[in-house]
């Protein structure tokens, strides 16, 4: 379980692209759920979800994904700046 799923982002804060199969599965599942979730929400509510309900759903899906990506990123999150040296 200590194997990283995402590489660190070269610039900025957050994870980079997945480097492990589980990272790709997690990212694909997250994107799939963001796309597909309005339809079950509409069936449950009986009407098209409002923008606040869609936003709350997006946050509810993003928080667990962000936590998992944070835990499984190689080198952790943090601000990194790519420095260029004159040769």
PDB file of N, CA and C in Angstrom:
ATOM      1  N   UNK A   1       0.822  -1.201   0.000  1.00  0.00           N
ATOM      2  CA  UNK A   1       0.000   0.000   0.000  1.00  0.00           C
ATOM      3  C   UNK A   1       0.857   1.253   0.000  1.00  0.00           C
ATOM      4  N   UNK A   2       2.162   1.105   0.122  1.00  0.00           N
ATOM      5  CA  UNK A   2       3.018   2.276   0.154  1.00  0.00           C
ATOM      6  C   UNK A   2       3.464   2.711  -1.243  1.00  0.00           C
ATOM      7  N   UNK A   3       3.089   1.958  -2.267  1.00  0.00           N
ATOM      8  CA  UNK A   3       3.472   2.311  -3.627  1.00  0.00           C
ATOM      9  C   UNK A   3       2.683   3.535  -4.103  1.00  0.00           C
ATOM     10  N   UNK A   4       3.374   4.562  -4.649  1.00  0.00           N
ATOM     11  CA  UNK A   4       2.656   5.766  -5.091  1.00  0.00           C
ATOM     12  C   UNK A   4       1.837   5.508  -6.350  1.00  0.00           C
ATOM     13  N   UNK A   5       0.692   6.173  -6.443  1.00  0.00           N
ATOM     14  CA  UNK A   5      -0.172   6.056  -7.609  1.00  0.00           C
ATOM     15  C   UNK A   5      -0.042   7.254  -8.522  1.00  0.00           C
ATOM     16  N   UNK A   6       0.360   8.399  -7.969  1.00  0.00           N
ATOM     17  CA  UNK A   6       0.485   9.633  -8.737  1.00  0.00           C
ATOM     18  C   UNK A   6       1.895  10.186  -8.559  1.00  0.00           C
ATOM     19  N   UNK A   7       2.425  10.834  -9.590  1.00  0.00           N
ATOM     20  CA  UNK A   7       3.710  11.505  -9.412  1.00  0.00           C
ATOM     21  C   UNK A   7       3.437  12.936  -8.959  1.00  0.00           C
ATOM     22  N   UNK A   8       4.439  13.555  -8.403  1.00  0.00           N
ATOM     23  CA  UNK A   8       4.247  14.927  -7.932  1.00  0.00           C
ATOM     24  C   UNK A   8       4.142  15.868  -9.135  1.00  0.00           C
ATOM     25  N   UNK A   9       3.447  16.948  -8.917  1.00  0.00           N
ATOM     26  CA  UNK A   9       3.274  17.958  -9.952  1.00  0.00           C
ATOM     27  C   UNK A   9       4.545  18.786 -10.030  1.00  0.00           C
ATOM     28  N   UNK A  10       5.056  19.005 -11.235  1.00  0.00           N
ATOM     29  CA  UNK A  10       6.310  19.746 -11.368  1.00  0.00           C
ATOM     30  C   UNK A  10       6.155  21.218 -11.021  1.00  0.00           C
ATOM     31  N   UNK A  11       4.987  21.764 -11.280  1.00  0.00           N
ATOM     32  CA  UNK A  11       4.738  23.168 -10.960  1.00  0.00           C
ATOM     33  C   UNK A  11       3.421  23.258 -10.210  1.00  0.00           C
ATOM     34  N   UNK A  12       3.392  24.086  -9.205  1.00  0.00           N
ATOM     35  CA  UNK A  12       2.160  24.268  -8.458  1.00  0.00           C
ATOM     36  C   UNK A  12       1.979  23.224  -7.371  1.00  0.00           C
ATOM     37  N   UNK A  13       0.742  23.105  -6.910  1.00  0.00           N
ATOM     38  CA  UNK A  13       0.412  22.210  -5.807  1.00  0.00           C
ATOM     39  C   UNK A  13      -0.549  21.146  -6.317  1.00  0.00           C
ATOM     40  N   UNK A  14      -0.393  19.936  -5.845  1.00  0.00           N
ATOM     41  CA  UNK A  14      -1.318  18.869  -6.201  1.00  0.00           C
ATOM     42  C   UNK A  14      -0.620  17.732  -6.914  1.00  0.00           C
ATOM     43  N   UNK A  15      -1.394  16.706  -7.266  1.00  0.00           N
ATOM     44  CA  UNK A  15      -0.796  15.550  -7.927  1.00  0.00           C
ATOM     45  C   UNK A  15      -0.597  15.801  -9.411  1.00  0.00           C
ATOM     46  N   UNK A  16       0.316  15.051  -9.979  1.00  0.00           N
ATOM     47  CA  UNK A  16       0.510  15.057 -11.418  1.00  0.00           C
ATOM     48  C   UNK A  16      -0.279  13.914 -12.030  1.00  0.00           C
ATOM     49  N   UNK A  17       0.177  13.430 -13.159  1.00  0.00           N
ATOM     50  CA  UNK A  17      -0.493  12.315 -13.813  1.00  0.00           C
ATOM     51  C   UNK A  17      -0.272  11.019 -13.043  1.00  0.00           C
ATOM     52  N   UNK A  18      -1.196  10.075 -13.176  1.00  0.00           N
ATOM     53  CA  UNK A  18      -1.006   8.782 -12.517  1.00  0.00           C
ATOM     54  C   UNK A  18       0.205   8.043 -13.078  1.00  0.00           C
ATOM     55  N   UNK A  19       0.891   7.301 -12.213  1.00  0.00           N
ATOM     56  CA  UNK A  19       2.026   6.484 -12.629  1.00  0.00           C
ATOM     57  C   UNK A  19       1.777   5.004 -12.340  1.00  0.00           C
ATOM     58  N   UNK A  20       0.645   4.693 -11.783  1.00  0.00           N
ATOM     59  CA  UNK A  20       0.301   3.311 -11.431  1.00  0.00           C
ATOM     60  C   UNK A  20      -1.091   3.013 -11.956  1.00  0.00           C
ATOM     61  N   UNK A  21      -1.345   1.756 -12.231  1.00  0.00           N
ATOM     62  CA  UNK A  21      -2.645   1.335 -12.741  1.00  0.00           C
ATOM     63  C   UNK A  21      -3.787   1.783 -11.824  1.00  0.00           C
ATOM     64  N   UNK A  22      -3.598   1.682 -10.524  1.00  0.00           N
ATOM     65  CA  UNK A  22      -4.649   2.095  -9.586  1.00  0.00           C
ATOM     66  C   UNK A  22      -4.922   3.596  -9.659  1.00  0.00           C
ATOM     67  N   UNK A  23      -3.900   4.382  -9.952  1.00  0.00           N
ATOM     68  CA  UNK A  23      -4.096   5.814 -10.122  1.00  0.00           C
ATOM     69  C   UNK A  23      -4.963   6.116 -11.330  1.00  0.00           C
ATOM     70  N   UNK A  24      -4.719   5.407 -12.437  1.00  0.00           N
ATOM     71  CA  UNK A  24      -5.543   5.600 -13.631  1.00  0.00           C
ATOM     72  C   UNK A  24      -6.980   5.158 -13.398  1.00  0.00           C
ATOM     73  N   UNK A  25      -7.157   4.059 -12.678  1.00  0.00           N
ATOM     74  CA  UNK A  25      -8.514   3.586 -12.361  1.00  0.00           C
ATOM     75  C   UNK A  25      -9.230   4.598 -11.476  1.00  0.00           C
ATOM     76  N   UNK A  26      -8.538   5.130 -10.489  1.00  0.00           N
ATOM     77  CA  UNK A  26      -9.132   6.124  -9.594  1.00  0.00           C
ATOM     78  C   UNK A  26      -9.513   7.391 -10.344  1.00  0.00           C
ATOM     79  N   UNK A  27      -8.612   7.894 -11.177  1.00  0.00           N
ATOM     80  CA  UNK A  27      -8.892   9.103 -11.955  1.00  0.00           C
ATOM     81  C   UNK A  27     -10.046   8.879 -12.926  1.00  0.00           C
ATOM     82  N   UNK A  28     -10.048   7.733 -13.614  1.00  0.00           N
ATOM     83  CA  UNK A  28     -11.142   7.421 -14.541  1.00  0.00           C
ATOM     84  C   UNK A  28     -12.475   7.290 -13.832  1.00  0.00           C
ATOM     85  N   UNK A  29     -12.483   6.667 -12.666  1.00  0.00           N
ATOM     86  CA  UNK A  29     -13.721   6.526 -11.891  1.00  0.00           C
ATOM     87  C   UNK A  29     -14.237   7.886 -11.428  1.00  0.00           C
ATOM     88  N   UNK A  30     -13.333   8.744 -10.999  1.00  0.00           N
ATOM     89  CA  UNK A  30     -13.716  10.084 -10.557  1.00  0.00           C
ATOM     90  C   UNK A  30     -14.351  10.863 -11.712  1.00  0.00           C
ATOM     91  N   UNK A  31     -13.733  10.853 -12.860  1.00  0.00           N
ATOM     92  CA  UNK A  31     -14.280  11.566 -14.019  1.00  0.00           C
ATOM     93  C   UNK A  31     -15.605  10.963 -14.441  1.00  0.00           C
ATOM     94  N   UNK A  32     -15.701   9.638 -14.457  1.00  0.00           N
ATOM     95  CA  UNK A  32     -16.949   8.962 -14.816  1.00  0.00           C
ATOM     96  C   UNK A  32     -18.078   9.358 -13.873  1.00  0.00           C
ATOM     97  N   UNK A  33     -17.802   9.377 -12.573  1.00  0.00           N
ATOM     98  CA  UNK A  33     -18.832   9.757 -11.599  1.00  0.00           C
ATOM     99  C   UNK A  33     -19.254  11.213 -11.739  1.00  0.00           C
ATOM    100  N   UNK A  34     -18.313  12.102 -12.048  1.00  0.00           N
ATOM    101  CA  UNK A  34     -18.677  13.495 -12.259  1.00  0.00           C
ATOM    102  C   UNK A  34     -19.600  13.660 -13.459  1.00  0.00           C
ATOM    103  N   UNK A  35     -19.370  12.866 -14.499  1.00  0.00           N
ATOM    104  CA  UNK A  35     -20.194  12.957 -15.706  1.00  0.00           C
ATOM    105  C   UNK A  35     -21.554  12.300 -15.512  1.00  0.00           C
ATOM    106  N   UNK A  36     -21.596  11.139 -14.894  1.00  0.00           N
ATOM    107  CA  UNK A  36     -22.811  10.326 -14.844  1.00  0.00           C
ATOM    108  C   UNK A  36     -23.739  10.694 -13.686  1.00  0.00           C
ATOM    109  N   UNK A  37     -23.237  11.324 -12.637  1.00  0.00           N
ATOM    110  CA  UNK A  37     -24.032  11.474 -11.420  1.00  0.00           C
ATOM    111  C   UNK A  37     -25.287  12.333 -11.545  1.00  0.00           C
ATOM    112  N   UNK A  38     -25.401  13.315 -12.435  1.00  0.00           N
ATOM    113  CA  UNK A  38     -26.662  14.067 -12.518  1.00  0.00           C
ATOM    114  C   UNK A  38     -27.889  13.208 -12.837  1.00  0.00           C
ATOM    115  N   UNK A  39     -27.725  12.118 -13.593  1.00  0.00           N
ATOM    116  CA  UNK A  39     -28.894  11.286 -13.929  1.00  0.00           C
ATOM    117  C   UNK A  39     -29.465  10.543 -12.718  1.00  0.00           C
ATOM    118  N   UNK A  40     -28.666   9.871 -11.890  1.00  0.00           N
ATOM    119  CA  UNK A  40     -29.253   9.269 -10.683  1.00  0.00           C
ATOM    120  C   UNK A  40     -29.819  10.313  -9.727  1.00  0.00           C
ATOM    121  N   UNK A  41     -29.173  11.480  -9.669  1.00  0.00           N
ATOM    122  CA  UNK A  41     -29.681  12.551  -8.826  1.00  0.00           C
ATOM    123  C   UNK A  41     -31.047  13.021  -9.308  1.00  0.00           C
ATOM    124  N   UNK A  42     -31.217  13.106 -10.638  1.00  0.00           N
ATOM    125  CA  UNK A  42     -32.506  13.500 -11.202  1.00  0.00           C
ATOM    126  C   UNK A  42     -33.574  12.441 -10.925  1.00  0.00           C
ATOM    127  N   UNK A  43     -33.205  11.172 -11.007  1.00  0.00           N
ATOM    128  CA  UNK A  43     -34.170  10.107 -10.720  1.00  0.00           C
ATOM    129  C   UNK A  43     -34.576  10.134  -9.248  1.00  0.00           C
ATOM    130  N   UNK A  44     -33.639  10.405  -8.356  1.00  0.00           N
ATOM    131  CA  UNK A  44     -33.922  10.419  -6.932  1.00  0.00           C
ATOM    132  C   UNK A  44     -34.758  11.631  -6.545  1.00  0.00           C
ATOM    133  N   UNK A  45     -34.420  12.801  -7.113  1.00  0.00           N
ATOM    134  CA  UNK A  45     -35.157  14.017  -6.773  1.00  0.00           C
ATOM    135  C   UNK A  45     -36.490  14.128  -7.502  1.00  0.00           C
ATOM    136  N   UNK A  46     -36.572  13.590  -8.708  1.00  0.00           N
ATOM    137  CA  UNK A  46     -37.789  13.697  -9.499  1.00  0.00           C
ATOM    138  C   UNK A  46     -37.790  14.904 -10.417  1.00  0.00           C
ATOM    139  N   UNK A  47     -36.729  15.704 -10.370  1.00  0.00           N
ATOM    140  CA  UNK A  47     -36.583  16.862 -11.258  1.00  0.00           C
ATOM    141  C   UNK A  47     -35.090  17.077 -11.506  1.00  0.00           C
ATOM    142  N   UNK A  48     -34.793  17.885 -12.499  1.00  0.00           N
ATOM    143  CA  UNK A  48     -33.389  18.151 -12.818  1.00  0.00           C
ATOM    144  C   UNK A  48     -32.722  18.870 -11.643  1.00  0.00           C
ATOM    145  N   UNK A  49     -31.545  18.429 -11.241  1.00  0.00           N
ATOM    146  CA  UNK A  49     -30.884  19.063 -10.099  1.00  0.00           C
ATOM    147  C   UNK A  49     -30.490  20.507 -10.402  1.00  0.00           C
ATOM    148  N   UNK A  50     -30.608  21.325  -9.391  1.00  0.00           N
ATOM    149  CA  UNK A  50     -30.220  22.729  -9.517  1.00  0.00           C
ATOM    150  C   UNK A  50     -28.703  22.845  -9.465  1.00  0.00           C
ATOM    151  N   UNK A  51     -28.204  24.002  -9.802  1.00  0.00           N
ATOM    152  CA  UNK A  51     -26.752  24.180  -9.843  1.00  0.00           C
ATOM    153  C   UNK A  51     -26.131  24.016  -8.455  1.00  0.00           C
ATOM    154  N   UNK A  52     -26.842  24.410  -7.403  1.00  0.00           N
ATOM    155  CA  UNK A  52     -26.288  24.228  -6.054  1.00  0.00           C
ATOM    156  C   UNK A  52     -26.196  22.748  -5.696  1.00  0.00           C
ATOM    157  N   UNK A  53     -27.162  21.961  -6.142  1.00  0.00           N
ATOM    158  CA  UNK A  53     -27.116  20.526  -5.881  1.00  0.00           C
ATOM    159  C   UNK A  53     -26.009  19.857  -6.696  1.00  0.00           C
ATOM    160  N   UNK A  54     -25.822  20.313  -7.921  1.00  0.00           N
ATOM    161  CA  UNK A  54     -24.724  19.781  -8.737  1.00  0.00           C
ATOM    162  C   UNK A  54     -23.373  20.141  -8.121  1.00  0.00           C
ATOM    163  N   UNK A  55     -23.263  21.380  -7.625  1.00  0.00           N
ATOM    164  CA  UNK A  55     -22.022  21.816  -6.996  1.00  0.00           C
ATOM    165  C   UNK A  55     -21.741  21.005  -5.733  1.00  0.00           C
ATOM    166  N   UNK A  56     -22.756  20.767  -4.922  1.00  0.00           N
ATOM    167  CA  UNK A  56     -22.583  19.967  -3.704  1.00  0.00           C
ATOM    168  C   UNK A  56     -22.165  18.540  -4.048  1.00  0.00           C
ATOM    169  N   UNK A  57     -22.724  17.997  -5.107  1.00  0.00           N
ATOM    170  CA  UNK A  57     -22.342  16.654  -5.551  1.00  0.00           C
ATOM    171  C   UNK A  57     -20.893  16.639  -6.011  1.00  0.00           C
ATOM    172  N   UNK A  58     -20.489  17.660  -6.756  1.00  0.00           N
ATOM    173  CA  UNK A  58     -19.112  17.752  -7.227  1.00  0.00           C
ATOM    174  C   UNK A  58     -18.148  17.823  -6.042  1.00  0.00           C
ATOM    175  N   UNK A  59     -18.472  18.607  -5.037  1.00  0.00           N
ATOM    176  CA  UNK A  59     -17.623  18.711  -3.848  1.00  0.00           C
ATOM    177  C   UNK A  59     -17.584  17.376  -3.102  1.00  0.00           C
ATOM    178  N   UNK A  60     -18.734  16.713  -2.994  1.00  0.00           N
ATOM    179  CA  UNK A  60     -18.801  15.422  -2.286  1.00  0.00           C
ATOM    180  C   UNK A  60     -17.977  14.351  -2.989  1.00  0.00           C
ATOM    181  N   UNK A  61     -17.807  14.438  -4.293  1.00  0.00           N
ATOM    182  CA  UNK A  61     -16.976  13.482  -5.022  1.00  0.00           C
ATOM    183  C   UNK A  61     -15.503  13.903  -5.025  1.00  0.00           C
ATOM    184  N   UNK A  62     -15.232  15.194  -4.997  1.00  0.00           N
ATOM    185  CA  UNK A  62     -13.867  15.698  -5.102  1.00  0.00           C
ATOM    186  C   UNK A  62     -13.084  15.532  -3.804  1.00  0.00           C
ATOM    187  N   UNK A  63     -13.737  15.693  -2.671  1.00  0.00           N
ATOM    188  CA  UNK A  63     -13.024  15.601  -1.390  1.00  0.00           C
ATOM    189  C   UNK A  63     -12.395  14.213  -1.182  1.00  0.00           C
ATOM    190  N   UNK A  64     -13.128  13.114  -1.360  1.00  0.00           N
ATOM    191  CA  UNK A  64     -12.469  11.807  -1.193  1.00  0.00           C
ATOM    192  C   UNK A  64     -11.385  11.546  -2.239  1.00  0.00           C
ATOM    193  N   UNK A  65     -11.626  11.986  -3.482  1.00  0.00           N
ATOM    194  CA  UNK A  65     -10.601  11.805  -4.511  1.00  0.00           C
ATOM    195  C   UNK A  65      -9.345  12.602  -4.165  1.00  0.00           C
ATOM    196  N   UNK A  66      -9.513  13.834  -3.728  1.00  0.00           N
ATOM    197  CA  UNK A  66      -8.369  14.666  -3.358  1.00  0.00           C
ATOM    198  C   UNK A  66      -7.595  14.089  -2.196  1.00  0.00           C
ATOM    199  N   UNK A  67      -8.297  13.558  -1.205  1.00  0.00           N
ATOM    200  CA  UNK A  67      -7.630  12.955  -0.056  1.00  0.00           C
ATOM    201  C   UNK A  67      -6.829  11.727  -0.488  1.00  0.00           C
ATOM    202  N   UNK A  68      -7.431  10.883  -1.331  1.00  0.00           N
ATOM    203  CA  UNK A  68      -6.737   9.694  -1.802  1.00  0.00           C
ATOM    204  C   UNK A  68      -5.525  10.069  -2.648  1.00  0.00           C
ATOM    205  N   UNK A  69      -5.679  11.050  -3.524  1.00  0.00           N
ATOM    206  CA  UNK A  69      -4.556  11.490  -4.353  1.00  0.00           C
ATOM    207  C   UNK A  69      -3.447  12.086  -3.489  1.00  0.00           C
ATOM    208  N   UNK A  70      -3.809  12.806  -2.448  1.00  0.00           N
ATOM    209  CA  UNK A  70      -2.821  13.377  -1.537  1.00  0.00           C
ATOM    210  C   UNK A  70      -2.025  12.270  -0.837  1.00  0.00           C
ATOM    211  N   UNK A  71      -2.732  11.233  -0.400  1.00  0.00           N
ATOM    212  CA  UNK A  71      -2.073  10.133   0.312  1.00  0.00           C
ATOM    213  C   UNK A  71      -1.179   9.300  -0.600  1.00  0.00           C
ATOM    214  N   UNK A  72      -1.535   9.205  -1.878  1.00  0.00           N
ATOM    215  CA  UNK A  72      -0.836   8.314  -2.794  1.00  0.00           C
ATOM    216  C   UNK A  72       0.058   9.032  -3.807  1.00  0.00           C
ATOM    217  N   UNK A  73       0.413  10.300  -3.544  1.00  0.00           N
ATOM    218  CA  UNK A  73       1.290  11.034  -4.448  1.00  0.00           C
ATOM    219  C   UNK A  73       2.741  10.832  -4.043  1.00  0.00           C
ATOM    220  N   UNK A  74       3.582  10.529  -5.018  1.00  0.00           N
ATOM    221  CA  UNK A  74       5.010  10.342  -4.785  1.00  0.00           C
ATOM    222  C   UNK A  74       5.638  11.689  -4.438  1.00  0.00           C
ATOM    223  N   UNK A  75       6.206  11.812  -3.268  1.00  0.00           N
ATOM    224  CA  UNK A  75       6.834  13.056  -2.852  1.00  0.00           C
ATOM    225  C   UNK A  75       5.889  14.028  -2.179  1.00  0.00           C
ATOM    226  N   UNK A  76       4.620  13.687  -2.073  1.00  0.00           N
ATOM    227  CA  UNK A  76       3.659  14.546  -1.406  1.00  0.00           C
ATOM    228  C   UNK A  76       3.335  15.800  -2.192  1.00  0.00           C
ATOM    229  N   UNK A  77       2.450  16.593  -1.647  1.00  0.00           N
ATOM    230  CA  UNK A  77       2.059  17.851  -2.272  1.00  0.00           C
ATOM    231  C   UNK A  77       2.898  18.960  -1.699  1.00  0.00           C
ATOM    232  N   UNK A  78       3.073  19.972  -2.447  1.00  0.00           N
ATOM    233  CA  UNK A  78       3.816  21.139  -2.008  1.00  0.00           C
ATOM    234  C   UNK A  78       4.168  21.990  -3.210  1.00  0.00           C
ATOM    235  N   UNK A  79       4.470  23.207  -2.953  1.00  0.00           N
ATOM    236  CA  UNK A  79       4.805  24.111  -4.053  1.00  0.00           C
ATOM    237  C   UNK A  79       6.198  23.780  -4.574  1.00  0.00           C
ATOM    238  N   UNK A  80       6.282  23.601  -5.865  1.00  0.00           N
ATOM    239  CA  UNK A  80       7.559  23.331  -6.515  1.00  0.00           C
ATOM    240  C   UNK A  80       7.707  24.294  -7.676  1.00  0.00           C
ATOM    241  N   UNK A  81       8.887  24.784  -7.829  1.00  0.00           N
ATOM    242  CA  UNK A  81       9.177  25.640  -8.968  1.00  0.00           C
ATOM    243  C   UNK A  81      10.314  25.017  -9.749  1.00  0.00           C
ATOM    244  N   UNK A  82      10.131  24.928 -11.032  1.00  0.00           N
ATOM    245  CA  UNK A  82      11.184  24.393 -11.872  1.00  0.00           C
ATOM    246  C   UNK A  82      12.171  25.522 -12.128  1.00  0.00           C
ATOM    247  N   UNK A  83      13.393  25.304 -11.743  1.00  0.00           N
ATOM    248  CA  UNK A  83      14.420  26.334 -11.897  1.00  0.00           C
ATOM    249  C   UNK A  83      15.319  25.984 -13.062  1.00  0.00           C
ATOM    250  N   UNK A  84      15.587  26.985 -13.849  1.00  0.00           N
ATOM    251  CA  UNK A  84      16.477  26.809 -14.992  1.00  0.00           C
ATOM    252  C   UNK A  84      17.806  27.482 -14.680  1.00  0.00           C
ATOM    253  N   UNK A  85      18.879  26.774 -14.940  1.00  0.00           N
ATOM    254  CA  UNK A  85      20.195  27.327 -14.691  1.00  0.00           C
ATOM    255  C   UNK A  85      20.833  27.657 -16.029  1.00  0.00           C
ATOM    256  N   UNK A  86      21.571  28.747 -16.052  1.00  0.00           N
ATOM    257  CA  UNK A  86      22.300  29.118 -17.267  1.00  0.00           C
ATOM    258  C   UNK A  86      23.487  28.174 -17.426  1.00  0.00           C
ATOM    259  N   UNK A  87      23.615  27.664 -18.628  1.00  0.00           N
ATOM    260  CA  UNK A  87      24.717  26.728 -18.861  1.00  0.00           C
ATOM    261  C   UNK A  87      25.850  27.407 -19.569  1.00  0.00           C
TER     262      UNK A  87
END
